[in-house]
């Protein structure tokens, strides 16, 4: 980062994560496991650290215990770096005792914490997207263009506009109009990119004729204070449109891979894409690590298996199993003749002792992991689940919003919640 200006980052993680339920039943959205060994929050934090930004604040308020443990065990800085990754949960103060009412309100309630740190710019990030981004160019463009606010944008087709914030821009990428999730077809057409701007975007995919917000904002410190000097609660719906009349807003066009993984279907597909030989998001990029908790687990053991496109994290024991397009998380145990297809298994927080296994078996409780001769298709198996023998889990033919025996189907994906126990011979 340019030493002429200082910057701190704010990551939004305060929502209930209802679109990711039941994965958010016992944890907040930033703490949801990703790609076998990471958590969602590791993506924006790693992007910040790889961009030279090490003062990071995470705003959250629901089910924060596992997130606190992850942050405290993962992101530690020496006393000379000045770095910090700090969780700021909603709190009662003399000024009020309200929960965060929206993204803008969450930042407003924490301005006094940010004031303790010297900064010229504030980088506001969403906490539920999968992307790799160097923030240096957007910050540099923000300074060079003398913008008060810069919004990172990604080219999208018209079909995606109704679910995103969309902007209309001039040739110099200054923003003239902004609408959050517009529904009127005539209004949407007004935001189409001009041919001249389209040519300047270079590698934009064919049919991506609109610029949609990535919920990534660079604010001048003074502009942020002015923007929040009111009762507005949300950046996209209220703050950004209101600033167009009084401040200079510009767009920064990002042409790399970016995926909003705020829904069960999007989360499911983004994870399975990682099993491709050349995935759109690459965890193997040299010199740009995605950081996470160092667990010091043993290497995985894979015995007599057939594996077709899979990620297998550390500490797993997979025996005589068939895996096709699967993500297998830390400490997962798959027993003989288990068959998994298009499945995400998040693994376990512990290894059971021999005594614990004996006690559970005497009580009729299945061992942690997946038992012999079980078949799982198009599913997400959350952490610490116990799936017995001869179980079949498959959402095919079931309604999209189905619930039975503590198992959910959302967006056509079957979800087994955290700590669930599925008895032997269960068929869904």
Protein backbone atom coordinates (compact mmCIF):
# COMPACT_ATOMS: atom_id res chain seq x y z
CA UNK A 1 0.00 0.00 0.00
CA UNK A 2 1.06 3.59 -0.68
CA UNK A 3 2.71 4.89 2.52
CA UNK A 4 1.25 8.35 1.83
CA UNK A 5 -2.14 7.26 3.15
CA UNK A 6 -3.26 4.84 5.87
CA UNK A 7 -6.21 2.50 5.61
CA UNK A 8 -8.22 0.19 7.81
CA UNK A 9 -10.63 -2.51 6.73
CA UNK A 10 -14.12 -3.30 7.98
CA UNK A 11 -15.65 -6.69 7.16
CA UNK A 12 -19.44 -7.00 7.36
CA UNK A 13 -20.53 -10.20 9.06
CA UNK A 14 -23.44 -9.05 11.19
CA UNK A 15 -26.39 -10.53 9.33
CA UNK A 16 -28.28 -13.61 10.51
CA UNK A 17 -27.23 -15.53 7.40
CA UNK A 18 -30.79 -16.77 6.88
CA UNK A 19 -30.12 -17.71 3.27
CA UNK A 20 -27.40 -20.11 4.49
CA UNK A 21 -29.60 -21.75 7.12
CA UNK A 22 -29.20 -24.42 8.53
CA UNK A 23 -25.43 -23.94 8.14
CA UNK A 24 -25.91 -20.80 10.28
CA UNK A 25 -28.04 -22.56 12.87
CA UNK A 26 -25.21 -22.64 15.43
CA UNK A 27 -22.64 -20.26 13.92
CA UNK A 28 -22.52 -16.86 12.27
CA UNK A 29 -22.09 -16.61 8.52
CA UNK A 30 -18.35 -15.69 8.50
CA UNK A 31 -17.62 -18.86 10.50
CA UNK A 32 -19.18 -21.27 7.97
CA UNK A 33 -16.51 -23.81 6.82
CA UNK A 34 -15.23 -23.54 3.26
CA UNK A 35 -13.16 -25.77 0.95
CA UNK A 36 -12.44 -28.46 3.53
CA UNK A 37 -10.26 -26.50 5.97
CA UNK A 38 -11.06 -22.77 5.76
CA UNK A 39 -13.90 -20.51 6.88
CA UNK A 40 -15.69 -17.84 4.87
CA UNK A 41 -14.05 -15.06 6.86
CA UNK A 42 -10.58 -16.26 5.82
CA UNK A 43 -11.19 -14.98 2.27
CA UNK A 44 -11.61 -11.22 2.94
CA UNK A 45 -9.02 -11.28 5.75
CA UNK A 46 -6.45 -12.99 3.52
CA UNK A 47 -7.15 -10.56 0.69
CA UNK A 48 -6.47 -7.71 3.11
CA UNK A 49 -3.25 -9.21 4.45
CA UNK A 50 -1.98 -10.02 0.96
CA UNK A 51 -2.69 -6.37 0.03
CA UNK A 52 -0.68 -5.00 2.95
CA UNK A 53 -3.72 -4.09 5.08
CA UNK A 54 -3.38 -5.46 8.60
CA UNK A 55 -5.83 -3.40 10.64
CA UNK A 56 -9.06 -5.33 10.19
CA UNK A 57 -12.35 -5.12 12.06
CA UNK A 58 -15.05 -7.78 11.75
CA UNK A 59 -18.59 -6.64 12.59
CA UNK A 60 -20.92 -9.41 13.71
CA UNK A 61 -23.64 -10.11 16.26
CA UNK A 62 -25.16 -13.62 15.91
CA UNK A 63 -23.68 -16.92 17.19
CA UNK A 64 -20.15 -15.56 17.42
CA UNK A 65 -18.49 -18.15 19.73
CA UNK A 66 -16.89 -20.30 17.00
CA UNK A 67 -15.86 -17.20 15.07
CA UNK A 68 -14.11 -15.79 18.15
CA UNK A 69 -12.21 -19.04 18.63
CA UNK A 70 -11.15 -19.11 14.98
CA UNK A 71 -9.96 -15.49 14.89
CA UNK A 72 -8.08 -15.76 18.18
CA UNK A 73 -6.29 -18.97 17.20
CA UNK A 74 -5.47 -17.88 13.62
CA UNK A 75 -4.66 -14.18 13.35
CA UNK A 76 -1.91 -13.15 15.72
CA UNK A 77 0.50 -10.28 15.08
CA UNK A 78 3.75 -9.32 16.74
CA UNK A 79 3.87 -6.08 18.71
CA UNK A 80 5.92 -4.31 16.04
CA UNK A 81 3.54 -4.80 13.10
CA UNK A 82 0.62 -2.80 14.48
CA UNK A 83 -1.69 -5.41 13.00
CA UNK A 84 -5.03 -6.44 14.47
CA UNK A 85 -8.00 -8.57 13.46
CA UNK A 86 -10.69 -7.59 15.94
CA UNK A 87 -14.30 -8.75 16.27
CA UNK A 88 -16.75 -5.96 17.10
CA UNK A 89 -20.10 -7.39 18.14
CA UNK A 90 -23.18 -5.28 18.80
CA UNK A 91 -22.93 -3.88 22.32
CA UNK A 92 -24.91 -1.78 24.75
CA UNK A 93 -23.51 1.72 25.31
CA UNK A 94 -24.66 4.99 26.85
CA UNK A 95 -25.76 6.06 23.37
CA UNK A 96 -27.95 3.03 22.72
CA UNK A 97 -28.51 -0.68 23.10
CA UNK A 98 -29.78 -1.59 19.63
CA UNK A 99 -28.56 -4.49 17.54
CA UNK A 100 -27.11 -3.64 14.15
CA UNK A 101 -30.00 -2.56 11.95
CA UNK A 102 -28.07 -2.91 8.68
CA UNK A 103 -24.62 -2.61 7.16
CA UNK A 104 -24.39 1.16 7.52
CA UNK A 105 -25.75 1.11 11.06
CA UNK A 106 -23.17 -1.52 12.04
CA UNK A 107 -20.34 0.74 10.87
CA UNK A 108 -21.95 3.78 12.52
CA UNK A 109 -22.12 2.04 15.90
CA UNK A 110 -18.39 1.30 15.76
CA UNK A 111 -16.99 4.62 14.52
CA UNK A 112 -15.61 5.34 18.00
CA UNK A 113 -13.52 2.15 17.79
CA UNK A 114 -12.10 3.12 14.40
CA UNK A 115 -11.25 6.62 15.63
CA UNK A 116 -8.64 5.09 17.93
CA UNK A 117 -6.60 4.12 14.86
CA UNK A 118 -4.99 6.62 12.52
CA UNK A 119 -6.52 6.28 9.04
CA UNK A 120 -7.29 8.27 5.92
CA UNK A 121 -9.38 5.62 4.14
CA UNK A 122 -11.83 2.91 5.17
CA UNK A 123 -12.21 -0.24 3.09
CA UNK A 124 -15.62 -1.85 3.67
CA UNK A 125 -15.94 -5.49 2.60
CA UNK A 126 -18.71 -8.08 2.40
CA UNK A 127 -18.00 -11.25 4.34
CA UNK A 128 -19.75 -13.82 2.14
CA UNK A 129 -18.02 -13.82 -1.25
CA UNK A 130 -15.33 -16.00 -2.79
CA UNK A 131 -12.74 -13.99 -4.72
CA UNK A 132 -9.06 -13.14 -4.79
CA UNK A 133 -8.39 -9.41 -5.06
CA UNK A 134 -5.41 -7.14 -4.56
CA UNK A 135 -6.90 -3.99 -3.02
CA UNK A 136 -3.93 -1.83 -4.02
CA UNK A 137 -5.31 -0.91 -7.49
CA UNK A 138 -8.77 0.09 -6.22
CA UNK A 139 -7.25 2.22 -3.48
CA UNK A 140 -4.83 3.81 -5.95
CA UNK A 141 -7.63 4.55 -8.42
CA UNK A 142 -9.69 6.01 -5.58
CA UNK A 143 -6.91 8.44 -4.72
CA UNK A 144 -6.01 9.27 -8.33
CA UNK A 145 -9.63 9.97 -9.31
CA UNK A 146 -10.17 12.18 -6.25
CA UNK A 147 -13.26 10.17 -5.40
CA UNK A 148 -15.05 10.40 -2.07
CA UNK A 149 -16.31 6.85 -2.45
CA UNK A 150 -15.23 4.09 -4.83
CA UNK A 151 -17.39 1.01 -5.35
CA UNK A 152 -15.91 -2.21 -6.72
CA UNK A 153 -18.10 -3.57 -9.51
CA UNK A 154 -18.24 -6.75 -11.50
CA UNK A 155 -19.76 -7.10 -15.01
CA UNK A 156 -22.89 -9.27 -14.90
CA UNK A 157 -25.67 -10.33 -17.29
CA UNK A 158 -29.13 -8.80 -17.07
CA UNK A 159 -30.50 -11.91 -15.32
CA UNK A 160 -28.32 -11.18 -12.25
CA UNK A 161 -29.27 -7.54 -11.84
CA UNK A 162 -32.44 -8.11 -9.77
CA UNK A 163 -30.35 -9.66 -6.95
CA UNK A 164 -27.59 -7.01 -6.84
CA UNK A 165 -26.93 -3.32 -6.63
CA UNK A 166 -26.40 -1.92 -10.13
CA UNK A 167 -24.78 1.34 -11.23
CA UNK A 168 -24.76 3.62 -14.26
CA UNK A 169 -21.40 5.23 -15.05
CA UNK A 170 -19.79 7.83 -17.27
CA UNK A 171 -16.78 7.22 -19.50
CA UNK A 172 -14.46 8.07 -16.60
CA UNK A 173 -16.34 5.50 -14.45
CA UNK A 174 -17.87 8.16 -12.22
CA UNK A 175 -21.25 6.91 -11.00
CA UNK A 176 -24.37 8.82 -12.03
CA UNK A 177 -27.08 6.48 -10.73
CA UNK A 178 -27.32 3.52 -8.35
CA UNK A 179 -30.20 1.14 -7.63
CA UNK A 180 -30.34 -1.75 -5.17
CA UNK A 181 -31.96 -4.90 -6.63
CA UNK A 182 -34.17 -3.15 -9.21
CA UNK A 183 -37.20 -5.11 -10.41
CA UNK A 184 -38.73 -2.86 -13.09
CA UNK A 185 -37.48 -4.01 -16.56
CA UNK A 186 -37.49 -0.44 -17.86
CA UNK A 187 -35.37 0.75 -14.95
CA UNK A 188 -32.95 -2.14 -15.43
CA UNK A 189 -32.44 -1.35 -19.13
CA UNK A 190 -31.42 2.18 -18.16
CA UNK A 191 -28.34 0.77 -16.43
CA UNK A 192 -26.92 -1.10 -19.43
CA UNK A 193 -23.26 -0.28 -20.14
CA UNK A 194 -22.63 1.84 -23.23
CA UNK A 195 -20.71 0.31 -26.13
CA UNK A 196 -17.72 2.58 -25.57
CA UNK A 197 -17.43 1.62 -21.91
CA UNK A 198 -17.91 -2.03 -22.85
CA UNK A 199 -14.92 -1.84 -25.20
CA UNK A 200 -12.76 -0.29 -22.47
CA UNK A 201 -13.48 -3.14 -20.07
CA UNK A 202 -11.36 -5.54 -22.09
CA UNK A 203 -12.03 -9.15 -21.08
CA UNK A 204 -15.66 -8.72 -20.00
CA UNK A 205 -17.62 -11.94 -20.73
CA UNK A 206 -20.09 -11.68 -23.59
CA UNK A 207 -23.53 -10.72 -22.36
CA UNK A 208 -22.26 -9.07 -19.17
CA UNK A 209 -23.78 -5.70 -19.94
CA UNK A 210 -24.26 -4.33 -16.41
CA UNK A 211 -21.98 -3.23 -13.59
CA UNK A 212 -23.09 -4.70 -10.26
CA UNK A 213 -21.76 -3.81 -6.83
CA UNK A 214 -19.50 -6.32 -5.09
CA UNK A 215 -20.35 -4.63 -1.75
CA UNK A 216 -16.75 -3.46 -1.58
CA UNK A 217 -16.38 0.26 -0.84
CA UNK A 218 -13.44 2.61 -0.34
CA UNK A 219 -14.44 5.69 1.68
CA UNK A 220 -12.48 8.78 2.49
CA UNK A 221 -12.63 9.05 6.26
CA UNK A 222 -14.48 12.38 6.12
CA UNK A 223 -16.92 11.07 3.50
CA UNK A 224 -17.78 8.08 5.69
CA UNK A 225 -18.46 10.30 8.70
CA UNK A 226 -20.70 12.54 6.60
CA UNK A 227 -22.48 9.56 5.03
CA UNK A 228 -23.34 8.12 8.45
CA UNK A 229 -24.46 11.37 10.06
CA UNK A 230 -28.13 10.31 9.80
CA UNK A 231 -30.42 7.38 10.60
CA UNK A 232 -29.97 5.43 7.36
CA UNK A 233 -29.22 1.76 8.01
CA UNK A 234 -28.01 0.19 4.74
CA UNK A 235 -25.21 1.13 2.34
CA UNK A 236 -26.72 -0.21 -0.88
CA UNK A 237 -30.35 0.78 -0.36
CA UNK A 238 -29.86 4.19 1.24
CA UNK A 239 -26.35 5.53 1.80
CA UNK A 240 -24.91 5.15 -1.71
CA UNK A 241 -27.94 6.63 -3.57
CA UNK A 242 -28.06 9.57 -1.14
CA UNK A 243 -24.36 10.41 -1.67
CA UNK A 244 -24.72 10.80 -5.43
CA UNK A 245 -26.06 14.33 -5.01
CA UNK A 246 -23.32 15.57 -2.69
CA UNK A 247 -20.16 13.49 -3.26
CA UNK A 248 -18.01 12.12 -6.07
CA UNK A 249 -18.60 8.38 -6.46
CA UNK A 250 -16.60 6.22 -8.86
CA UNK A 251 -16.65 2.60 -9.95
CA UNK A 252 -13.68 0.25 -9.98
CA UNK A 253 -14.25 -2.62 -12.41
CA UNK A 254 -13.00 -6.00 -11.21
CA UNK A 255 -12.70 -8.59 -13.97
CA UNK A 256 -11.55 -11.61 -11.97
CA UNK A 257 -13.59 -14.44 -10.45
CA UNK A 258 -16.11 -13.30 -7.85
CA UNK A 259 -18.97 -15.36 -6.45
CA UNK A 260 -21.53 -14.35 -3.86
CA UNK A 261 -21.91 -17.48 -1.73
CA UNK A 262 -24.69 -16.23 0.49
CA UNK A 263 -27.18 -18.99 -0.44
CA UNK A 264 -27.06 -22.75 0.02
CA UNK A 265 -27.01 -23.38 -3.75
CA UNK A 266 -24.26 -20.81 -4.39
CA UNK A 267 -22.21 -22.14 -1.46
CA UNK A 268 -22.64 -25.71 -2.70
CA UNK A 269 -21.64 -24.97 -6.30
CA UNK A 270 -18.70 -22.72 -5.39
CA UNK A 271 -17.23 -25.48 -3.20
CA UNK A 272 -17.65 -28.21 -5.79
CA UNK A 273 -16.06 -26.04 -8.49
CA UNK A 274 -12.90 -26.15 -6.41
CA UNK A 275 -12.53 -29.84 -7.31
CA UNK A 276 -12.00 -28.97 -10.99
CA UNK A 277 -8.47 -29.40 -12.38
CA UNK A 278 -8.40 -25.66 -13.11
CA UNK A 279 -10.93 -24.10 -10.71
CA UNK A 280 -12.02 -20.48 -11.13
CA UNK A 281 -10.74 -19.78 -7.62
CA UNK A 282 -7.27 -21.17 -7.01
CA UNK A 283 -6.01 -21.82 -3.47
CA UNK A 284 -2.62 -22.74 -4.94
CA UNK A 285 -1.61 -19.24 -6.13
CA UNK A 286 2.06 -18.78 -5.28
CA UNK A 287 2.89 -16.06 -2.79
CA UNK A 288 -0.77 -15.27 -2.01
CA UNK A 289 -1.87 -17.74 0.67
CA UNK A 290 -5.35 -18.00 2.07
CA UNK A 291 -4.74 -18.06 5.81
CA UNK A 292 -6.58 -20.22 8.31
CA UNK A 293 -6.13 -22.00 11.62
CA UNK A 294 -2.97 -24.14 11.82
CA UNK A 295 -4.41 -27.34 13.31
CA UNK A 296 -1.28 -29.55 13.22
CA UNK A 297 -3.27 -32.55 12.03
CA UNK A 298 -1.78 -35.76 10.64
CA UNK A 299 -1.86 -36.44 6.92
CA UNK A 300 -5.01 -38.11 5.63
CA UNK A 301 -5.16 -41.88 5.08
CA UNK A 302 -6.91 -43.07 1.91
CA UNK A 303 -7.21 -46.83 1.52
CA UNK A 304 -8.46 -48.71 -1.58
CA UNK A 305 -10.68 -45.87 -2.80
CA UNK A 306 -12.01 -44.75 -6.16
CA UNK A 307 -11.74 -40.97 -6.34
CA UNK A 308 -12.95 -38.80 -9.21
CA UNK A 309 -12.33 -35.08 -8.56
CA UNK A 310 -12.10 -34.46 -4.84
CA UNK A 311 -10.50 -32.29 -2.18
CA UNK A 312 -9.47 -34.17 0.97
CA UNK A 313 -8.33 -32.07 3.91
CA UNK A 314 -5.96 -33.07 6.73
CA UNK A 315 -6.68 -35.70 9.34
CA UNK A 316 -9.14 -37.80 7.32
CA UNK A 317 -9.52 -41.58 7.24
CA UNK A 318 -11.21 -42.79 4.06
CA UNK A 319 -11.50 -46.54 3.59
CA UNK A 320 -12.76 -48.40 0.48
CA UNK A 321 -14.99 -45.47 -0.49
CA UNK A 322 -16.17 -44.07 -3.81
CA UNK A 323 -15.89 -40.29 -4.09
CA UNK A 324 -17.07 -38.31 -7.09
CA UNK A 325 -16.82 -34.50 -7.05
CA UNK A 326 -16.55 -34.13 -3.28
CA UNK A 327 -15.00 -31.78 -0.73
CA UNK A 328 -13.97 -33.72 2.38
CA UNK A 329 -13.23 -31.59 5.45
CA UNK A 330 -10.78 -32.01 8.31
CA UNK A 331 -11.01 -35.16 10.46
CA UNK A 332 -13.65 -36.77 8.22
CA UNK A 333 -14.10 -40.53 8.60
CA UNK A 334 -15.67 -42.54 5.77
CA UNK A 335 -16.01 -46.27 6.27
CA UNK A 336 -16.16 -49.26 3.92
CA UNK A 337 -18.34 -49.10 0.83
CA UNK A 338 -19.41 -45.51 1.44
CA UNK A 339 -20.43 -43.69 -1.74
CA UNK A 340 -20.43 -39.89 -1.96
CA UNK A 341 -21.35 -37.95 -5.10
CA UNK A 342 -21.53 -34.15 -5.41
CA UNK A 343 -21.15 -33.82 -1.66
CA UNK A 344 -19.49 -31.45 0.80
CA UNK A 345 -18.51 -33.09 4.09
CA UNK A 346 -17.25 -30.54 6.61
CA UNK A 347 -15.59 -33.03 8.93
CA UNK A 348 -15.24 -32.92 12.69
CA UNK A 349 -13.82 -30.77 15.47
CA UNK A 350 -12.38 -33.78 17.34
CA UNK A 351 -11.00 -37.29 17.08
CA UNK A 352 -12.97 -39.60 19.34
CA UNK A 353 -11.09 -41.70 21.89
CA UNK A 354 -11.54 -45.48 22.08
CA UNK A 355 -13.48 -45.03 25.33
CA UNK A 356 -15.87 -42.53 23.72
CA UNK A 357 -16.45 -44.82 20.75
CA UNK A 358 -17.22 -47.74 23.07
CA UNK A 359 -19.68 -45.70 25.15
CA UNK A 360 -21.49 -44.42 22.07
CA UNK A 361 -21.82 -47.88 20.59
CA UNK A 362 -23.23 -49.23 23.84
CA UNK A 363 -25.82 -46.42 23.70
CA UNK A 364 -26.68 -47.16 20.07
CA UNK A 365 -25.16 -43.91 18.81
CA UNK A 366 -23.36 -44.16 15.42
CA UNK A 367 -19.66 -43.40 15.26
CA UNK A 368 -18.72 -39.90 14.15
CA UNK A 369 -18.44 -39.71 10.35
CA UNK A 370 -20.29 -41.90 7.82
CA UNK A 371 -20.96 -45.59 8.37
CA UNK A 372 -20.53 -48.58 6.09
CA UNK A 373 -22.58 -49.01 2.91
CA UNK A 374 -24.06 -45.50 3.07
CA UNK A 375 -24.84 -43.42 -0.02
CA UNK A 376 -24.90 -39.61 -0.04
CA UNK A 377 -25.65 -37.49 -3.11
CA UNK A 378 -26.00 -33.72 -3.73
CA UNK A 379 -25.57 -32.94 -0.05
CA UNK A 380 -23.80 -30.81 2.54
CA UNK A 381 -22.83 -32.76 5.66
CA UNK A 382 -22.06 -30.28 8.44
CA UNK A 383 -19.51 -30.78 11.21
CA UNK A 384 -19.56 -33.50 13.87
CA UNK A 385 -22.38 -35.45 12.23
CA UNK A 386 -22.93 -39.14 12.93
CA UNK A 387 -24.40 -40.99 9.98
CA UNK A 388 -25.05 -44.67 10.58
CA UNK A 389 -24.75 -47.75 8.38
CA UNK A 390 -26.84 -48.38 5.24
CA UNK A 391 -28.08 -44.79 5.11
CA UNK A 392 -29.24 -43.21 1.84
CA UNK A 393 -29.41 -39.40 1.57
CA UNK A 394 -30.48 -37.94 -1.77
CA UNK A 395 -32.64 -34.84 -2.47
CA UNK A 396 -33.75 -36.11 -5.89
CA UNK A 397 -37.52 -35.99 -6.23
CA UNK A 398 -38.02 -33.99 -3.03
CA UNK A 399 -39.42 -30.42 -2.84
CA UNK A 400 -36.85 -27.62 -2.50
CA UNK A 401 -38.03 -26.64 0.99
CA UNK A 402 -38.26 -30.04 2.61
CA UNK A 403 -37.58 -30.98 6.23
CA UNK A 404 -37.72 -34.41 7.82
CA UNK A 405 -35.96 -36.09 10.76
CA UNK A 406 -33.81 -33.00 11.30
CA UNK A 407 -32.58 -33.02 7.69
CA UNK A 408 -33.24 -30.10 5.33
CA UNK A 409 -33.43 -29.61 1.59
CA UNK A 410 -32.71 -26.08 0.42
CA UNK A 411 -32.27 -24.99 -3.21
CA UNK A 412 -32.26 -28.64 -4.24
CA UNK A 413 -29.38 -29.49 -1.87
CA UNK A 414 -29.80 -31.83 1.10
CA UNK A 415 -28.25 -30.45 4.31
CA UNK A 416 -27.43 -32.46 7.42
CA UNK A 417 -26.99 -29.88 10.26
CA UNK A 418 -24.08 -29.69 12.65
CA UNK A 419 -24.00 -32.38 15.37
CA UNK A 420 -26.88 -34.31 13.76
CA UNK A 421 -27.30 -38.04 14.42
CA UNK A 422 -28.71 -40.14 11.55
CA UNK A 423 -29.57 -43.71 12.68
CA UNK A 424 -28.70 -46.85 10.74
CA UNK A 425 -30.89 -47.66 7.71
CA UNK A 426 -32.32 -44.12 7.37
CA UNK A 427 -33.50 -43.37 3.83
CA UNK A 428 -34.34 -39.85 2.63
